[in-house]
Amino acid sequence: MIKAVIFDVDGVLVDSEGASLDTAGEVFKQFGVKMTKKEYKNYTGVNLREIVKIVSKKRKVKIDPDQFIKARYDLYEKYGKKTIKPFSGAKTFISMLRRKKVKIAVATAGNKRKLSFNLKCGEFDIRNRVTADDIKHGKPAPDIFLAAAKKLKVKPNECIVVEDSLNGIKAAKKAKMFCVAVTNTFPRSKLKDADLIIDSLSELKW
């Protein structure tokens, strides 16, 4: 029996791709790295500290993770204030879950700062939260979803995960959870490992 729904945030609850892709290249440039939007999109669902680690090794440059993360989110918030909006159907579906007494959590590869900003932009009041700051291994490891289930006091097989990224889907399946993928970021052909693929949260009923 399903007792909880765990949402990713970027690309699921809020449309933040524009703010993310438009600022990534600018920040990497400050640290001496050329990064295209297409290349950065491959890191969707991976926490920022891990991205810095991967890119530093691949490009053979030294980037201070803390300095990078601050610069990244400073610029992200500047852009995001005007551009980040909730996806159609997200608030309606969450309201439906609450009426049905279904437990709700968000689990994001972003840190607490980014999560708070995104939820504020989307006007979402969700108190059960797990971020990259709370776990050791980020997506595609299952840690973040298992931590969310523990916070909600439910078993992994009692959870549905709603994701938009390939790394998120992998993490959900490793956590032994039913995964719904929404095509906000990637086409259906890329999301085939999910248990269910939808184009909008407005398609979901309980």
N, C-alpha and C. Protein backbone atom coordinates (compact mmCIF):
# COMPACT_ATOMS: atom_id res chain seq x y z
N MET A 1 0.83 -1.20 0.00
CA MET A 1 0.00 0.00 0.00
C MET A 1 0.87 1.25 0.00
N ILE A 2 0.57 2.17 -0.91
CA ILE A 2 1.33 3.41 -0.98
C ILE A 2 0.87 4.39 0.09
N LYS A 3 1.84 4.89 0.86
CA LYS A 3 1.52 5.81 1.95
C LYS A 3 2.15 7.19 1.78
N ALA A 4 3.10 7.30 0.84
CA ALA A 4 3.82 8.57 0.71
C ALA A 4 4.24 8.85 -0.73
N VAL A 5 4.36 10.14 -1.03
CA VAL A 5 4.89 10.58 -2.32
C VAL A 5 6.08 11.50 -2.04
N ILE A 6 7.19 11.19 -2.68
CA ILE A 6 8.42 11.99 -2.53
C ILE A 6 8.70 12.69 -3.85
N PHE A 7 8.76 14.00 -3.80
CA PHE A 7 8.97 14.80 -5.01
C PHE A 7 10.40 15.31 -5.12
N ASP A 8 10.98 15.17 -6.31
CA ASP A 8 12.13 15.99 -6.63
C ASP A 8 11.57 17.41 -6.79
N VAL A 9 12.41 18.42 -6.81
CA VAL A 9 11.91 19.79 -6.88
C VAL A 9 12.16 20.44 -8.24
N ASP A 10 13.44 20.62 -8.58
CA ASP A 10 13.77 21.19 -9.88
C ASP A 10 13.27 20.29 -11.00
N GLY A 11 12.48 20.83 -11.90
CA GLY A 11 12.00 20.04 -13.03
C GLY A 11 10.77 19.22 -12.72
N VAL A 12 10.32 19.23 -11.46
CA VAL A 12 9.12 18.49 -11.06
C VAL A 12 8.08 19.43 -10.47
N LEU A 13 8.45 20.14 -9.41
CA LEU A 13 7.53 21.10 -8.79
C LEU A 13 7.71 22.50 -9.37
N VAL A 14 8.97 22.89 -9.61
CA VAL A 14 9.22 24.22 -10.15
C VAL A 14 10.01 24.15 -11.45
N ASP A 15 9.70 25.07 -12.34
CA ASP A 15 10.40 25.18 -13.62
C ASP A 15 11.61 26.08 -13.41
N SER A 16 12.74 25.46 -13.11
CA SER A 16 13.96 26.20 -12.80
C SER A 16 15.07 25.95 -13.81
N GLU A 17 14.75 25.22 -14.87
CA GLU A 17 15.78 24.85 -15.84
C GLU A 17 16.42 26.09 -16.48
N GLY A 18 15.60 27.09 -16.79
CA GLY A 18 16.13 28.29 -17.41
C GLY A 18 17.15 28.97 -16.53
N ALA A 19 16.80 29.16 -15.26
CA ALA A 19 17.72 29.81 -14.32
C ALA A 19 18.98 28.98 -14.13
N SER A 20 18.82 27.67 -14.13
CA SER A 20 19.96 26.78 -13.91
C SER A 20 20.92 26.79 -15.10
N LEU A 21 20.39 26.58 -16.29
CA LEU A 21 21.23 26.49 -17.48
C LEU A 21 21.81 27.85 -17.88
N ASP A 22 21.04 28.91 -17.69
CA ASP A 22 21.50 30.24 -18.09
C ASP A 22 22.63 30.75 -17.21
N THR A 23 22.72 30.26 -15.98
CA THR A 23 23.75 30.75 -15.06
C THR A 23 24.94 29.81 -14.92
N ALA A 24 24.78 28.56 -15.27
CA ALA A 24 25.88 27.59 -15.09
C ALA A 24 27.14 27.99 -15.82
N GLY A 25 26.99 28.34 -17.10
CA GLY A 25 28.14 28.71 -17.91
C GLY A 25 28.86 29.94 -17.37
N GLU A 26 28.08 30.91 -16.89
CA GLU A 26 28.66 32.14 -16.36
C GLU A 26 29.52 31.87 -15.14
N VAL A 27 29.04 31.01 -14.26
CA VAL A 27 29.78 30.73 -13.03
C VAL A 27 31.02 29.88 -13.33
N PHE A 28 30.88 28.87 -14.17
CA PHE A 28 32.06 28.06 -14.50
C PHE A 28 33.13 28.91 -15.17
N LYS A 29 32.70 29.89 -15.97
CA LYS A 29 33.64 30.78 -16.63
C LYS A 29 34.47 31.55 -15.62
N GLN A 30 33.84 31.93 -14.49
CA GLN A 30 34.56 32.64 -13.42
C GLN A 30 35.69 31.79 -12.85
N PHE A 31 35.54 30.47 -12.97
CA PHE A 31 36.54 29.55 -12.42
C PHE A 31 37.40 28.92 -13.52
N GLY A 32 37.37 29.55 -14.71
CA GLY A 32 38.25 29.14 -15.79
C GLY A 32 37.82 27.92 -16.59
N VAL A 33 36.54 27.60 -16.54
CA VAL A 33 36.03 26.43 -17.26
C VAL A 33 34.93 26.84 -18.24
N LYS A 34 35.04 26.37 -19.48
CA LYS A 34 33.99 26.62 -20.47
C LYS A 34 32.96 25.50 -20.37
N MET A 35 31.72 25.86 -20.10
CA MET A 35 30.65 24.88 -19.91
C MET A 35 29.45 25.26 -20.76
N THR A 36 29.05 24.38 -21.67
CA THR A 36 27.87 24.65 -22.49
C THR A 36 26.60 24.19 -21.76
N LYS A 37 25.46 24.72 -22.18
CA LYS A 37 24.19 24.31 -21.57
C LYS A 37 23.94 22.82 -21.79
N LYS A 38 24.29 22.33 -22.97
CA LYS A 38 24.07 20.93 -23.31
C LYS A 38 24.89 20.02 -22.38
N GLU A 39 26.13 20.40 -22.14
CA GLU A 39 26.99 19.60 -21.27
C GLU A 39 26.48 19.63 -19.84
N TYR A 40 26.08 20.81 -19.36
CA TYR A 40 25.63 20.93 -17.98
C TYR A 40 24.35 20.15 -17.74
N LYS A 41 23.51 20.04 -18.75
CA LYS A 41 22.25 19.32 -18.61
C LYS A 41 22.48 17.85 -18.28
N ASN A 42 23.64 17.32 -18.69
CA ASN A 42 23.96 15.92 -18.38
C ASN A 42 24.12 15.69 -16.88
N TYR A 43 24.33 16.76 -16.12
CA TYR A 43 24.51 16.64 -14.67
C TYR A 43 23.21 16.85 -13.90
N THR A 44 22.10 16.93 -14.61
CA THR A 44 20.80 17.13 -13.95
C THR A 44 20.55 16.05 -12.90
N GLY A 45 20.22 16.46 -11.70
CA GLY A 45 19.96 15.51 -10.62
C GLY A 45 21.16 15.20 -9.75
N VAL A 46 22.34 15.68 -10.16
CA VAL A 46 23.56 15.45 -9.38
C VAL A 46 23.81 16.68 -8.50
N ASN A 47 24.21 16.46 -7.23
CA ASN A 47 24.41 17.62 -6.36
C ASN A 47 25.62 18.43 -6.81
N LEU A 48 25.57 19.73 -6.53
CA LEU A 48 26.55 20.67 -7.06
C LEU A 48 27.98 20.39 -6.63
N ARG A 49 28.14 19.97 -5.39
CA ARG A 49 29.49 19.65 -4.90
C ARG A 49 30.10 18.50 -5.70
N GLU A 50 29.28 17.51 -6.04
CA GLU A 50 29.74 16.38 -6.84
C GLU A 50 30.05 16.81 -8.26
N ILE A 51 29.24 17.73 -8.80
CA ILE A 51 29.50 18.26 -10.15
C ILE A 51 30.86 18.94 -10.20
N VAL A 52 31.13 19.77 -9.19
CA VAL A 52 32.43 20.46 -9.12
C VAL A 52 33.57 19.46 -9.08
N LYS A 53 33.40 18.40 -8.32
CA LYS A 53 34.43 17.36 -8.20
C LYS A 53 34.67 16.68 -9.54
N ILE A 54 33.58 16.34 -10.23
CA ILE A 54 33.69 15.65 -11.52
C ILE A 54 34.34 16.54 -12.57
N VAL A 55 33.86 17.79 -12.66
CA VAL A 55 34.39 18.72 -13.67
C VAL A 55 35.84 19.07 -13.38
N SER A 56 36.20 19.25 -12.12
CA SER A 56 37.59 19.57 -11.76
C SER A 56 38.53 18.46 -12.22
N LYS A 57 38.12 17.23 -12.00
CA LYS A 57 38.94 16.08 -12.40
C LYS A 57 39.01 15.95 -13.91
N LYS A 58 37.87 16.14 -14.57
CA LYS A 58 37.80 15.98 -16.02
C LYS A 58 38.58 17.07 -16.75
N ARG A 59 38.48 18.31 -16.25
CA ARG A 59 39.16 19.44 -16.90
C ARG A 59 40.54 19.73 -16.32
N LYS A 60 40.90 18.99 -15.26
CA LYS A 60 42.20 19.14 -14.61
C LYS A 60 42.43 20.57 -14.11
N VAL A 61 41.44 21.07 -13.38
CA VAL A 61 41.54 22.40 -12.77
C VAL A 61 41.16 22.28 -11.30
N LYS A 62 41.61 23.24 -10.51
CA LYS A 62 41.27 23.26 -9.10
C LYS A 62 40.17 24.29 -8.85
N ILE A 63 39.04 23.83 -8.32
CA ILE A 63 37.92 24.71 -8.01
C ILE A 63 37.53 24.50 -6.56
N ASP A 64 37.52 25.56 -5.79
CA ASP A 64 37.09 25.46 -4.40
C ASP A 64 35.57 25.27 -4.37
N PRO A 65 35.09 24.12 -3.89
CA PRO A 65 33.65 23.82 -3.92
C PRO A 65 32.80 24.86 -3.19
N ASP A 66 33.24 25.31 -2.03
CA ASP A 66 32.45 26.26 -1.25
C ASP A 66 32.33 27.60 -1.97
N GLN A 67 33.43 28.06 -2.55
CA GLN A 67 33.41 29.32 -3.30
C GLN A 67 32.50 29.20 -4.52
N PHE A 68 32.62 28.05 -5.19
CA PHE A 68 31.82 27.83 -6.39
C PHE A 68 30.33 27.80 -6.06
N ILE A 69 29.98 27.04 -5.02
CA ILE A 69 28.57 26.90 -4.64
C ILE A 69 27.96 28.24 -4.27
N LYS A 70 28.70 29.07 -3.53
CA LYS A 70 28.17 30.38 -3.16
C LYS A 70 27.94 31.25 -4.40
N ALA A 71 28.95 31.28 -5.28
CA ALA A 71 28.82 32.07 -6.51
C ALA A 71 27.68 31.57 -7.38
N ARG A 72 27.55 30.25 -7.42
CA ARG A 72 26.50 29.63 -8.24
C ARG A 72 25.11 30.03 -7.76
N TYR A 73 24.88 29.92 -6.47
CA TYR A 73 23.54 30.20 -5.96
C TYR A 73 23.24 31.69 -5.84
N ASP A 74 24.28 32.51 -5.68
CA ASP A 74 24.07 33.95 -5.72
C ASP A 74 23.49 34.35 -7.08
N LEU A 75 24.09 33.83 -8.14
CA LEU A 75 23.64 34.17 -9.49
C LEU A 75 22.30 33.49 -9.81
N TYR A 76 22.15 32.26 -9.35
CA TYR A 76 20.91 31.51 -9.57
C TYR A 76 19.71 32.25 -8.97
N GLU A 77 19.87 32.76 -7.77
CA GLU A 77 18.78 33.48 -7.11
C GLU A 77 18.48 34.80 -7.82
N LYS A 78 19.51 35.44 -8.33
CA LYS A 78 19.32 36.70 -9.05
C LYS A 78 18.45 36.48 -10.29
N TYR A 79 18.74 35.41 -11.03
CA TYR A 79 17.96 35.08 -12.22
C TYR A 79 16.60 34.50 -11.85
N GLY A 80 16.61 33.63 -10.85
CA GLY A 80 15.42 32.87 -10.51
C GLY A 80 14.26 33.67 -9.97
N LYS A 81 14.53 34.80 -9.34
CA LYS A 81 13.46 35.63 -8.78
C LYS A 81 12.41 35.99 -9.83
N LYS A 82 12.86 36.14 -11.06
CA LYS A 82 11.96 36.55 -12.14
C LYS A 82 11.46 35.40 -13.01
N THR A 83 12.15 34.27 -12.94
CA THR A 83 11.84 33.20 -13.90
C THR A 83 11.27 31.91 -13.32
N ILE A 84 11.58 31.58 -12.06
CA ILE A 84 11.15 30.30 -11.51
C ILE A 84 9.67 30.32 -11.13
N LYS A 85 8.93 29.37 -11.70
CA LYS A 85 7.49 29.27 -11.47
C LYS A 85 7.10 27.83 -11.18
N PRO A 86 5.97 27.59 -10.51
CA PRO A 86 5.51 26.21 -10.29
C PRO A 86 4.99 25.62 -11.58
N PHE A 87 5.18 24.32 -11.76
CA PHE A 87 4.64 23.64 -12.94
C PHE A 87 3.12 23.48 -12.81
N SER A 88 2.46 23.51 -13.93
CA SER A 88 1.01 23.32 -13.96
C SER A 88 0.64 21.97 -13.37
N GLY A 89 -0.34 21.96 -12.51
CA GLY A 89 -0.83 20.72 -11.91
C GLY A 89 -0.15 20.33 -10.62
N ALA A 90 0.99 20.95 -10.29
CA ALA A 90 1.75 20.56 -9.10
C ALA A 90 0.98 20.86 -7.81
N LYS A 91 0.49 22.06 -7.70
CA LYS A 91 -0.22 22.44 -6.47
C LYS A 91 -1.53 21.68 -6.31
N THR A 92 -2.21 21.46 -7.42
CA THR A 92 -3.48 20.72 -7.38
C THR A 92 -3.25 19.29 -6.91
N PHE A 93 -2.20 18.64 -7.43
CA PHE A 93 -1.91 17.26 -7.05
C PHE A 93 -1.52 17.17 -5.58
N ILE A 94 -0.71 18.10 -5.11
CA ILE A 94 -0.31 18.10 -3.70
C ILE A 94 -1.52 18.32 -2.80
N SER A 95 -2.41 19.20 -3.20
CA SER A 95 -3.64 19.43 -2.42
C SER A 95 -4.48 18.16 -2.35
N MET A 96 -4.52 17.43 -3.45
CA MET A 96 -5.26 16.17 -3.51
C MET A 96 -4.66 15.15 -2.54
N LEU A 97 -3.33 15.06 -2.52
CA LEU A 97 -2.65 14.13 -1.62
C LEU A 97 -2.94 14.47 -0.17
N ARG A 98 -2.94 15.74 0.14
CA ARG A 98 -3.22 16.15 1.52
C ARG A 98 -4.64 15.82 1.94
N ARG A 99 -5.57 15.97 1.03
CA ARG A 99 -6.96 15.61 1.34
C ARG A 99 -7.09 14.12 1.59
N LYS A 100 -6.25 13.34 0.90
CA LYS A 100 -6.29 11.88 1.05
C LYS A 100 -5.39 11.39 2.19
N LYS A 101 -4.79 12.33 2.93
CA LYS A 101 -3.92 12.01 4.06
C LYS A 101 -2.67 11.23 3.65
N VAL A 102 -2.19 11.49 2.44
CA VAL A 102 -0.96 10.86 1.96
C VAL A 102 0.23 11.71 2.42
N LYS A 103 1.25 11.06 2.93
CA LYS A 103 2.43 11.80 3.41
C LYS A 103 3.22 12.34 2.22
N ILE A 104 3.85 13.52 2.42
CA ILE A 104 4.56 14.20 1.34
C ILE A 104 5.94 14.65 1.82
N ALA A 105 6.93 14.50 0.94
CA ALA A 105 8.27 15.02 1.21
C ALA A 105 8.89 15.49 -0.10
N VAL A 106 9.91 16.34 0.03
CA VAL A 106 10.72 16.69 -1.14
C VAL A 106 12.13 16.20 -0.90
N ALA A 107 12.78 15.74 -1.98
CA ALA A 107 14.15 15.24 -1.89
C ALA A 107 14.91 15.78 -3.10
N THR A 108 15.87 16.65 -2.84
CA THR A 108 16.54 17.35 -3.94
C THR A 108 18.05 17.26 -3.87
N ALA A 109 18.67 17.29 -5.04
CA ALA A 109 20.14 17.28 -5.12
C ALA A 109 20.71 18.63 -4.75
N GLY A 110 19.87 19.67 -4.65
CA GLY A 110 20.34 20.98 -4.25
C GLY A 110 20.57 21.03 -2.74
N ASN A 111 21.16 22.12 -2.27
CA ASN A 111 21.36 22.26 -0.83
C ASN A 111 20.15 22.96 -0.19
N LYS A 112 20.23 23.17 1.11
CA LYS A 112 19.09 23.77 1.83
C LYS A 112 18.76 25.17 1.31
N ARG A 113 19.80 25.92 0.99
CA ARG A 113 19.59 27.28 0.47
C ARG A 113 18.78 27.26 -0.82
N LYS A 114 19.19 26.41 -1.75
CA LYS A 114 18.49 26.35 -3.05
C LYS A 114 17.07 25.83 -2.87
N LEU A 115 16.91 24.83 -2.04
CA LEU A 115 15.58 24.26 -1.83
C LEU A 115 14.62 25.30 -1.26
N SER A 116 15.05 26.02 -0.25
CA SER A 116 14.20 27.04 0.36
C SER A 116 13.81 28.11 -0.66
N PHE A 117 14.77 28.50 -1.48
CA PHE A 117 14.51 29.51 -2.52
C PHE A 117 13.50 29.00 -3.54
N ASN A 118 13.68 27.77 -4.00
CA ASN A 118 12.78 27.19 -5.00
C ASN A 118 11.35 27.05 -4.48
N LEU A 119 11.23 26.55 -3.26
CA LEU A 119 9.89 26.38 -2.68
C LEU A 119 9.21 27.72 -2.46
N LYS A 120 10.00 28.73 -2.11
CA LYS A 120 9.44 30.07 -1.93
C LYS A 120 8.95 30.62 -3.26
N CYS A 121 9.74 30.43 -4.31
CA CYS A 121 9.35 30.90 -5.65
C CYS A 121 8.07 30.22 -6.12
N GLY A 122 7.95 28.93 -5.82
CA GLY A 122 6.78 28.18 -6.25
C GLY A 122 5.61 28.27 -5.29
N GLU A 123 5.85 28.90 -4.13
CA GLU A 123 4.83 29.03 -3.09
C GLU A 123 4.33 27.67 -2.61
N PHE A 124 5.29 26.78 -2.33
CA PHE A 124 4.99 25.45 -1.81
C PHE A 124 5.32 25.40 -0.31
N ASP A 125 4.39 24.93 0.47
CA ASP A 125 4.61 24.78 1.91
C ASP A 125 4.76 23.29 2.23
N ILE A 126 5.97 22.79 2.08
CA ILE A 126 6.26 21.38 2.34
C ILE A 126 7.35 21.32 3.41
N ARG A 127 7.04 20.73 4.54
CA ARG A 127 7.95 20.76 5.69
C ARG A 127 8.93 19.60 5.72
N ASN A 128 8.55 18.46 5.19
CA ASN A 128 9.46 17.30 5.18
C ASN A 128 10.43 17.44 4.00
N ARG A 129 11.68 17.73 4.34
CA ARG A 129 12.65 18.04 3.30
C ARG A 129 13.96 17.28 3.51
N VAL A 130 14.53 16.78 2.40
CA VAL A 130 15.85 16.16 2.44
C VAL A 130 16.66 16.77 1.30
N THR A 131 17.87 17.23 1.60
CA THR A 131 18.71 17.86 0.58
C THR A 131 20.08 17.18 0.53
N ALA A 132 20.93 17.67 -0.36
CA ALA A 132 22.29 17.14 -0.48
C ALA A 132 23.07 17.34 0.81
N ASP A 133 22.66 18.33 1.62
CA ASP A 133 23.33 18.58 2.90
C ASP A 133 23.09 17.48 3.93
N ASP A 134 22.06 16.67 3.70
CA ASP A 134 21.63 15.69 4.69
C ASP A 134 22.15 14.27 4.44
N ILE A 135 22.82 14.06 3.33
CA ILE A 135 23.23 12.70 2.97
C ILE A 135 24.70 12.66 2.56
N LYS A 136 25.24 11.45 2.51
CA LYS A 136 26.64 11.28 2.13
C LYS A 136 26.79 11.09 0.63
N HIS A 137 25.90 10.29 0.05
CA HIS A 137 25.99 9.99 -1.38
C HIS A 137 24.76 10.53 -2.10
N GLY A 138 24.98 11.37 -3.10
CA GLY A 138 23.87 11.94 -3.87
C GLY A 138 23.38 11.02 -4.97
N LYS A 139 22.34 11.44 -5.67
CA LYS A 139 21.83 10.68 -6.80
C LYS A 139 22.96 10.48 -7.81
N PRO A 140 23.08 9.30 -8.44
CA PRO A 140 22.10 8.22 -8.53
C PRO A 140 22.09 7.21 -7.39
N ALA A 141 22.82 7.45 -6.32
CA ALA A 141 22.72 6.59 -5.13
C ALA A 141 21.32 6.78 -4.53
N PRO A 142 20.79 5.78 -3.83
CA PRO A 142 19.43 5.84 -3.31
C PRO A 142 19.28 6.60 -1.99
N ASP A 143 20.39 7.06 -1.42
CA ASP A 143 20.41 7.63 -0.07
C ASP A 143 19.33 8.67 0.19
N ILE A 144 19.16 9.59 -0.75
CA ILE A 144 18.26 10.72 -0.51
C ILE A 144 16.81 10.29 -0.38
N PHE A 145 16.41 9.29 -1.16
CA PHE A 145 15.03 8.81 -1.09
C PHE A 145 14.81 7.92 0.13
N LEU A 146 15.82 7.16 0.49
CA LEU A 146 15.73 6.34 1.70
C LEU A 146 15.65 7.23 2.94
N ALA A 147 16.39 8.35 2.92
CA ALA A 147 16.34 9.30 4.03
C ALA A 147 14.96 9.95 4.13
N ALA A 148 14.36 10.23 2.97
CA ALA A 148 13.02 10.83 2.96
C ALA A 148 11.99 9.86 3.52
N ALA A 149 12.10 8.59 3.14
CA ALA A 149 11.18 7.58 3.66
C ALA A 149 11.31 7.44 5.17
N LYS A 150 12.54 7.48 5.64
CA LYS A 150 12.79 7.38 7.08
C LYS A 150 12.18 8.58 7.81
N LYS A 151 12.32 9.75 7.22
CA LYS A 151 11.75 10.97 7.82
C LYS A 151 10.23 10.87 7.90
N LEU A 152 9.63 10.27 6.88
CA LEU A 152 8.17 10.13 6.84
C LEU A 152 7.67 8.92 7.63
N LYS A 153 8.63 8.09 8.09
CA LYS A 153 8.31 6.88 8.87
C LYS A 153 7.48 5.89 8.05
N VAL A 154 7.95 5.66 6.81
CA VAL A 154 7.32 4.68 5.93
C VAL A 154 8.40 3.79 5.33
N LYS A 155 8.01 2.64 4.80
CA LYS A 155 8.94 1.73 4.15
C LYS A 155 9.17 2.17 2.70
N PRO A 156 10.33 1.85 2.12
CA PRO A 156 10.61 2.22 0.72
C PRO A 156 9.53 1.76 -0.26
N ASN A 157 9.01 0.53 -0.05
CA ASN A 157 7.99 0.03 -0.99
C ASN A 157 6.61 0.64 -0.77
N GLU A 158 6.52 1.57 0.17
CA GLU A 158 5.27 2.30 0.40
C GLU A 158 5.34 3.70 -0.19
N CYS A 159 6.41 3.95 -0.98
CA CYS A 159 6.63 5.29 -1.52
C CYS A 159 6.55 5.34 -3.05
N ILE A 160 6.07 6.46 -3.54
CA ILE A 160 6.15 6.81 -4.95
C ILE A 160 7.10 8.00 -5.05
N VAL A 161 8.03 7.93 -5.98
CA VAL A 161 8.94 9.05 -6.24
C VAL A 161 8.54 9.71 -7.56
N VAL A 162 8.50 11.03 -7.58
CA VAL A 162 8.23 11.76 -8.81
C VAL A 162 9.51 12.47 -9.21
N GLU A 163 10.04 12.14 -10.38
CA GLU A 163 11.34 12.63 -10.83
C GLU A 163 11.28 13.15 -12.27
N ASP A 164 12.32 13.86 -12.66
CA ASP A 164 12.42 14.33 -14.04
C ASP A 164 13.75 13.95 -14.67
N SER A 165 14.71 13.51 -13.85
CA SER A 165 16.06 13.26 -14.36
C SER A 165 16.42 11.79 -14.38
N LEU A 166 17.41 11.47 -15.21
CA LEU A 166 17.87 10.09 -15.32
C LEU A 166 18.52 9.63 -14.02
N ASN A 167 19.31 10.52 -13.41
CA ASN A 167 19.96 10.17 -12.14
C ASN A 167 18.94 9.98 -11.03
N GLY A 168 17.89 10.77 -11.07
CA GLY A 168 16.83 10.64 -10.08
C GLY A 168 16.08 9.33 -10.21
N ILE A 169 15.81 8.94 -11.44
CA ILE A 169 15.12 7.67 -11.69
C ILE A 169 15.97 6.50 -11.20
N LYS A 170 17.26 6.55 -11.49
CA LYS A 170 18.17 5.49 -11.03
C LYS A 170 18.16 5.40 -9.51
N ALA A 171 18.18 6.55 -8.86
CA ALA A 171 18.18 6.58 -7.39
C ALA A 171 16.90 5.99 -6.83
N ALA A 172 15.77 6.34 -7.43
CA ALA A 172 14.47 5.83 -6.96
C ALA A 172 14.39 4.31 -7.12
N LYS A 173 14.86 3.80 -8.24
CA LYS A 173 14.78 2.35 -8.48
C LYS A 173 15.74 1.60 -7.56
N LYS A 174 16.90 2.19 -7.28
CA LYS A 174 17.83 1.57 -6.33
C LYS A 174 17.25 1.54 -4.92
N ALA A 175 16.40 2.51 -4.64
CA ALA A 175 15.74 2.57 -3.33
C ALA A 175 14.53 1.64 -3.26
N LYS A 176 14.24 0.93 -4.37
CA LYS A 176 13.12 -0.01 -4.46
C LYS A 176 11.77 0.72 -4.35
N MET A 177 11.70 1.90 -4.94
CA MET A 177 10.47 2.68 -4.92
C MET A 177 9.86 2.78 -6.32
N PHE A 178 8.56 2.91 -6.38
CA PHE A 178 7.86 3.11 -7.65
C PHE A 178 8.19 4.51 -8.14
N CYS A 179 8.60 4.62 -9.40
CA CYS A 179 9.04 5.93 -9.91
C CYS A 179 8.16 6.43 -11.05
N VAL A 180 7.65 7.63 -10.87
CA VAL A 180 6.91 8.34 -11.92
C VAL A 180 7.84 9.40 -12.49
N ALA A 181 8.02 9.40 -13.80
CA ALA A 181 8.89 10.38 -14.45
C ALA A 181 8.03 11.36 -15.25
N VAL A 182 8.32 12.64 -15.10
CA VAL A 182 7.60 13.67 -15.83
C VAL A 182 8.53 14.26 -16.89
N THR A 183 7.99 14.50 -18.08
CA THR A 183 8.81 14.91 -19.23
C THR A 183 9.08 16.41 -19.28
N ASN A 184 9.34 17.01 -18.15
CA ASN A 184 9.61 18.45 -18.11
C ASN A 184 11.03 18.79 -18.55
N THR A 185 11.95 17.82 -18.40
CA THR A 185 13.36 18.08 -18.68
C THR A 185 13.92 17.22 -19.80
N PHE A 186 13.50 15.95 -19.82
CA PHE A 186 13.97 15.02 -20.85
C PHE A 186 12.79 14.38 -21.57
N PRO A 187 12.98 13.95 -22.83
CA PRO A 187 11.90 13.29 -23.58
C PRO A 187 11.62 11.89 -23.05
N ARG A 188 10.48 11.36 -23.41
CA ARG A 188 10.07 10.02 -22.96
C ARG A 188 11.13 8.96 -23.25
N SER A 189 11.78 9.07 -24.39
CA SER A 189 12.77 8.06 -24.79
C SER A 189 13.93 7.95 -23.80
N LYS A 190 14.18 9.02 -23.04
CA LYS A 190 15.27 9.02 -22.07
C LYS A 190 14.82 8.52 -20.70
N LEU A 191 13.50 8.43 -20.49
CA LEU A 191 12.95 8.14 -19.16
C LEU A 191 12.40 6.72 -19.05
N LYS A 192 12.77 5.85 -19.95
CA LYS A 192 12.16 4.53 -20.05
C LYS A 192 12.35 3.62 -18.83
N ASP A 193 13.31 3.94 -17.97
CA ASP A 193 13.53 3.11 -16.77
C ASP A 193 12.53 3.41 -15.66
N ALA A 194 11.74 4.46 -15.82
CA ALA A 194 10.71 4.79 -14.83
C ALA A 194 9.54 3.81 -14.96
N ASP A 195 8.75 3.67 -13.91
CA ASP A 195 7.59 2.77 -13.93
C ASP A 195 6.41 3.39 -14.67
N LEU A 196 6.34 4.71 -14.66
CA LEU A 196 5.27 5.44 -15.32
C LEU A 196 5.82 6.76 -15.82
N ILE A 197 5.47 7.14 -17.05
CA ILE A 197 5.92 8.40 -17.63
C ILE A 197 4.71 9.28 -17.92
N ILE A 198 4.78 10.54 -17.49
CA ILE A 198 3.69 11.48 -17.70
C ILE A 198 4.26 12.79 -18.27
N ASP A 199 3.38 13.59 -18.84
CA ASP A 199 3.80 14.89 -19.37
C ASP A 199 3.50 16.03 -18.40
N SER A 200 2.65 15.78 -17.42
CA SER A 200 2.29 16.80 -16.45
C SER A 200 1.73 16.16 -15.19
N LEU A 201 1.96 16.80 -14.05
CA LEU A 201 1.41 16.29 -12.80
C LEU A 201 -0.12 16.35 -12.79
N SER A 202 -0.67 17.13 -13.68
CA SER A 202 -2.14 17.21 -13.77
C SER A 202 -2.75 15.89 -14.25
N GLU A 203 -1.93 14.99 -14.79
CA GLU A 203 -2.39 13.69 -15.25
C GLU A 203 -2.60 12.71 -14.09
N LEU A 204 -1.98 13.01 -12.95
CA LEU A 204 -2.01 12.07 -11.83
C LEU A 204 -3.28 12.21 -10.99
N LYS A 205 -3.85 11.07 -10.66
CA LYS A 205 -5.01 11.02 -9.77
C LYS A 205 -4.67 10.05 -8.65
N TRP A 206 -5.38 10.16 -7.55
CA TRP A 206 -5.11 9.25 -6.45
C TRP A 206 -6.26 8.27 -6.28
